[in-house]
C-alpha atoms as a PDB file:
ATOM      1  CA  MET A   1     -39.553 -31.070-140.574  1.00  0.00           C
ATOM      2  CA  LYS A   2     -37.223 -33.526-138.836  1.00  0.00           C
ATOM      3  CA  THR A   3     -35.228 -35.867-141.083  1.00  0.00           C
ATOM      4  CA  ILE A   4     -34.090 -39.206-139.686  1.00  0.00           C
ATOM      5  CA  ILE A   5     -31.953 -41.759-141.505  1.00  0.00           C
ATOM      6  CA  HIS A   6     -32.055 -45.328-140.235  1.00  0.00           C
ATOM      7  CA  VAL A   7     -29.244 -47.643-141.339  1.00  0.00           C
ATOM      8  CA  GLU A   8     -30.168 -51.256-140.626  1.00  0.00           C
ATOM      9  CA  ASP A   9     -29.796 -54.465-142.633  1.00  0.00           C
ATOM     10  CA  SER A  10     -32.687 -56.281-140.904  1.00  0.00           C
ATOM     11  CA  LEU A  11     -35.897 -55.388-142.738  1.00  0.00           C
ATOM     12  CA  LEU A  12     -37.931 -56.362-139.670  1.00  0.00           C
ATOM     13  CA  ILE A  13     -36.053 -53.926-137.415  1.00  0.00           C
ATOM     14  CA  GLN A  14     -36.125 -51.250-140.158  1.00  0.00           C
ATOM     15  CA  SER A  15     -39.897 -51.611-140.359  1.00  0.00           C
ATOM     16  CA  ARG A  16     -40.447 -51.550-136.598  1.00  0.00           C
ATOM     17  CA  VAL A  17     -38.274 -48.495-135.990  1.00  0.00           C
ATOM     18  CA  ALA A  18     -39.928 -46.648-138.898  1.00  0.00           C
ATOM     19  CA  HIS A  19     -43.337 -47.475-137.405  1.00  0.00           C
ATOM     20  CA  TRP A  20     -42.318 -46.132-133.980  1.00  0.00           C
ATOM     21  CA  ILE A  21     -40.877 -42.959-135.478  1.00  0.00           C
ATOM     22  CA  GLN A  22     -44.041 -42.390-137.545  1.00  0.00           C
ATOM     23  CA  ALA A  23     -46.164 -42.869-134.445  1.00  0.00           C
ATOM     24  CA  LEU A  24     -44.115 -40.258-132.591  1.00  0.00           C
ATOM     25  CA  HIS A  25     -43.528 -37.765-135.392  1.00  0.00           C
ATOM     26  CA  ASN A  26     -46.121 -37.639-138.130  1.00  0.00           C
ATOM     27  CA  GLY A  27     -44.149 -34.992-139.990  1.00  0.00           C
ATOM     28  CA  ALA A  28     -40.750 -36.682-139.773  1.00  0.00           C
ATOM     29  CA  ALA A  29     -39.075 -37.795-142.959  1.00  0.00           C
ATOM     30  CA  ILE A  30     -37.774 -41.309-142.327  1.00  0.00           C
ATOM     31  CA  LEU A  31     -35.260 -42.626-144.808  1.00  0.00           C
ATOM     32  CA  SER A  32     -33.937 -46.168-144.520  1.00  0.00           C
ATOM     33  CA  THR A  33     -31.029 -48.015-146.049  1.00  0.00           C
ATOM     34  CA  ASP A  34     -29.308 -51.305-145.408  1.00  0.00           C
ATOM     35  CA  SER A  35     -25.727 -50.294-146.224  1.00  0.00           C
ATOM     36  CA  LEU A  36     -22.923 -47.844-145.530  1.00  0.00           C
ATOM     37  CA  VAL A  37     -22.917 -46.724-149.158  1.00  0.00           C
ATOM     38  CA  GLY A  38     -26.645 -46.012-148.920  1.00  0.00           C
ATOM     39  CA  ALA A  39     -26.093 -44.092-145.679  1.00  0.00           C
ATOM     40  CA  GLU A  40     -23.447 -41.929-147.306  1.00  0.00           C
ATOM     41  CA  GLU A  41     -25.747 -41.158-150.244  1.00  0.00           C
ATOM     42  CA  LEU A  42     -28.703 -40.295-147.985  1.00  0.00           C
ATOM     43  CA  ILE A  43     -26.604 -38.100-145.672  1.00  0.00           C
ATOM     44  CA  ALA A  44     -25.172 -36.207-148.651  1.00  0.00           C
ATOM     45  CA  ALA A  45     -28.604 -35.672-150.159  1.00  0.00           C
ATOM     46  CA  HIS A  46     -30.606 -34.831-147.009  1.00  0.00           C
ATOM     47  CA  ALA A  47     -28.303 -33.576-144.189  1.00  0.00           C
ATOM     48  CA  PRO A  48     -30.484 -35.319-141.575  1.00  0.00           C
ATOM     49  CA  ASP A  49     -31.115 -34.285-137.995  1.00  0.00           C
ATOM     50  CA  LEU A  50     -30.516 -37.804-136.699  1.00  0.00           C
ATOM     51  CA  LEU A  51     -28.736 -40.905-137.947  1.00  0.00           C
ATOM     52  CA  VAL A  52     -29.770 -44.196-136.312  1.00  0.00           C
ATOM     53  CA  LEU A  53     -26.919 -46.540-137.146  1.00  0.00           C
ATOM     54  CA  ASP A  54     -26.396 -50.280-136.847  1.00  0.00           C
ATOM     55  CA  LEU A  55     -22.707 -51.188-136.699  1.00  0.00           C
ATOM     56  CA  HIS A  56     -22.507 -54.441-138.651  1.00  0.00           C
ATOM     57  CA  LEU A  57     -23.718 -54.065-142.210  1.00  0.00           C
ATOM     58  CA  PRO A  58     -23.230 -56.124-145.374  1.00  0.00           C
ATOM     59  CA  ASP A  59     -20.690 -53.666-146.790  1.00  0.00           C
ATOM     60  CA  GLY A  60     -18.631 -53.117-143.653  1.00  0.00           C
ATOM     61  CA  ASN A  61     -18.418 -52.044-140.045  1.00  0.00           C
ATOM     62  CA  ALA A  62     -20.015 -48.660-139.413  1.00  0.00           C
ATOM     63  CA  LEU A  63     -17.642 -48.050-136.521  1.00  0.00           C
ATOM     64  CA  GLU A  64     -15.082 -47.058-139.131  1.00  0.00           C
ATOM     65  CA  ARG A  65     -17.483 -44.542-140.750  1.00  0.00           C
ATOM     66  CA  ILE A  66     -18.887 -42.596-137.788  1.00  0.00           C
ATOM     67  CA  GLU A  67     -16.267 -39.830-138.043  1.00  0.00           C
ATOM     68  CA  PHE A  68     -16.828 -39.499-141.775  1.00  0.00           C
ATOM     69  CA  PHE A  69     -20.609 -39.331-141.405  1.00  0.00           C
ATOM     70  CA  LYS A  70     -20.215 -36.650-138.728  1.00  0.00           C
ATOM     71  CA  TRP A  71     -17.878 -34.727-141.044  1.00  0.00           C
ATOM     72  CA  MET A  72     -20.470 -34.924-143.830  1.00  0.00           C
ATOM     73  CA  ALA A  73     -23.214 -33.434-141.630  1.00  0.00           C
ATOM     74  CA  PRO A  74     -21.661 -31.787-138.537  1.00  0.00           C
ATOM     75  CA  ASP A  75     -25.041 -30.861-136.991  1.00  0.00           C
ATOM     76  CA  MET A  76     -26.398 -34.396-137.365  1.00  0.00           C
ATOM     77  CA  GLN A  77     -26.730 -36.401-134.168  1.00  0.00           C
ATOM     78  CA  ILE A  78     -25.787 -40.084-134.252  1.00  0.00           C
ATOM     79  CA  ALA A  79     -27.477 -42.836-132.254  1.00  0.00           C
ATOM     80  CA  VAL A  80     -25.726 -46.179-132.619  1.00  0.00           C
ATOM     81  CA  PHE A  81     -28.329 -48.955-132.284  1.00  0.00           C
ATOM     82  CA  SER A  82     -26.556 -52.308-132.262  1.00  0.00           C
ATOM     83  CA  ASN A  83     -26.184 -55.633-130.498  1.00  0.00           C
ATOM     84  CA  ASP A  84     -22.440 -54.970-130.369  1.00  0.00           C
ATOM     85  CA  ASN A  85     -22.147 -52.646-127.406  1.00  0.00           C
ATOM     86  CA  SER A  86     -19.259 -53.792-125.255  1.00  0.00           C
ATOM     87  CA  ASP A  87     -17.535 -51.095-123.214  1.00  0.00           C
ATOM     88  CA  PHE A  88     -14.738 -51.078-125.798  1.00  0.00           C
ATOM     89  CA  VAL A  89     -17.131 -50.570-128.732  1.00  0.00           C
ATOM     90  CA  ARG A  90     -19.095 -47.925-126.831  1.00  0.00           C
ATOM     91  CA  HIS A  91     -15.872 -46.039-126.088  1.00  0.00           C
ATOM     92  CA  ILE A  92     -14.833 -46.071-129.751  1.00  0.00           C
ATOM     93  CA  CYS A  93     -18.300 -44.937-130.877  1.00  0.00           C
ATOM     94  CA  PHE A  94     -18.207 -41.945-128.534  1.00  0.00           C
ATOM     95  CA  GLU A  95     -14.608 -41.174-129.407  1.00  0.00           C
ATOM     96  CA  ARG A  96     -15.531 -41.061-133.107  1.00  0.00           C
ATOM     97  CA  GLY A  97     -18.513 -38.777-132.642  1.00  0.00           C
ATOM     98  CA  ALA A  98     -21.586 -40.828-131.734  1.00  0.00           C
ATOM     99  CA  ASP A  99     -23.952 -39.042-129.383  1.00  0.00           C
ATOM    100  CA  TRP A 100     -25.571 -42.215-127.999  1.00  0.00           C
ATOM    101  CA  VAL A 101     -24.994 -45.967-128.081  1.00  0.00           C
ATOM    102  CA  PHE A 102     -27.966 -48.253-127.495  1.00  0.00           C
ATOM    103  CA  ASP A 103     -28.392 -52.012-127.260  1.00  0.00           C
ATOM    104  CA  LYS A 104     -30.974 -53.294-129.760  1.00  0.00           C
ATOM    105  CA  SER A 105     -32.130 -55.942-127.303  1.00  0.00           C
ATOM    106  CA  THR A 106     -32.854 -53.707-124.324  1.00  0.00           C
ATOM    107  CA  ASP A 107     -32.719 -49.999-125.180  1.00  0.00           C
ATOM    108  CA  ILE A 108     -35.548 -49.359-127.665  1.00  0.00           C
ATOM    109  CA  THR A 109     -37.321 -47.026-125.224  1.00  0.00           C
ATOM    110  CA  LYS A 110     -34.091 -45.053-124.787  1.00  0.00           C
ATOM    111  CA  LEU A 111     -33.762 -44.741-128.580  1.00  0.00           C
ATOM    112  CA  ILE A 112     -37.364 -43.527-128.783  1.00  0.00           C
ATOM    113  CA  ASP A 113     -36.635 -40.916-126.095  1.00  0.00           C
ATOM    114  CA  VAL A 114     -33.664 -39.674-128.153  1.00  0.00           C
ATOM    115  CA  ILE A 115     -35.811 -39.501-131.289  1.00  0.00           C
ATOM    116  CA  ASN A 116     -38.279 -37.370-129.335  1.00  0.00           C
ATOM    117  CA  LEU A 117     -35.510 -35.009-128.240  1.00  0.00           C
ATOM    118  CA  ALA A 118     -33.405 -34.838-131.404  1.00  0.00           C
ATOM    119  CA  HIS A 119     -33.404 -31.309-132.754  1.00  0.00           C
END
């Protein structure tokens, strides 16, 4: 069974992404949190296949945690899903271990394609 962790502080976006994942993967375990601390706890407990990660969260900037999350679960793929996707931010995300960087406003279909392909 595929395990996906979604880190997003907007409950509306959390709900929508969970709905899309459920529609695509009935057997997928979808775990959601709205913080970096919650992400760390879920990664440690579940070693997910995919982490869908917003960058700006109430307890900090996830850009600074990508390397650590990848260290925690080396086989986990990371899809950054954020409105902050300048070339500079994209470069840093990839440099720190993200597999994909998507714009929340325009790239939902690309994120769904990645969810379909992840492990």
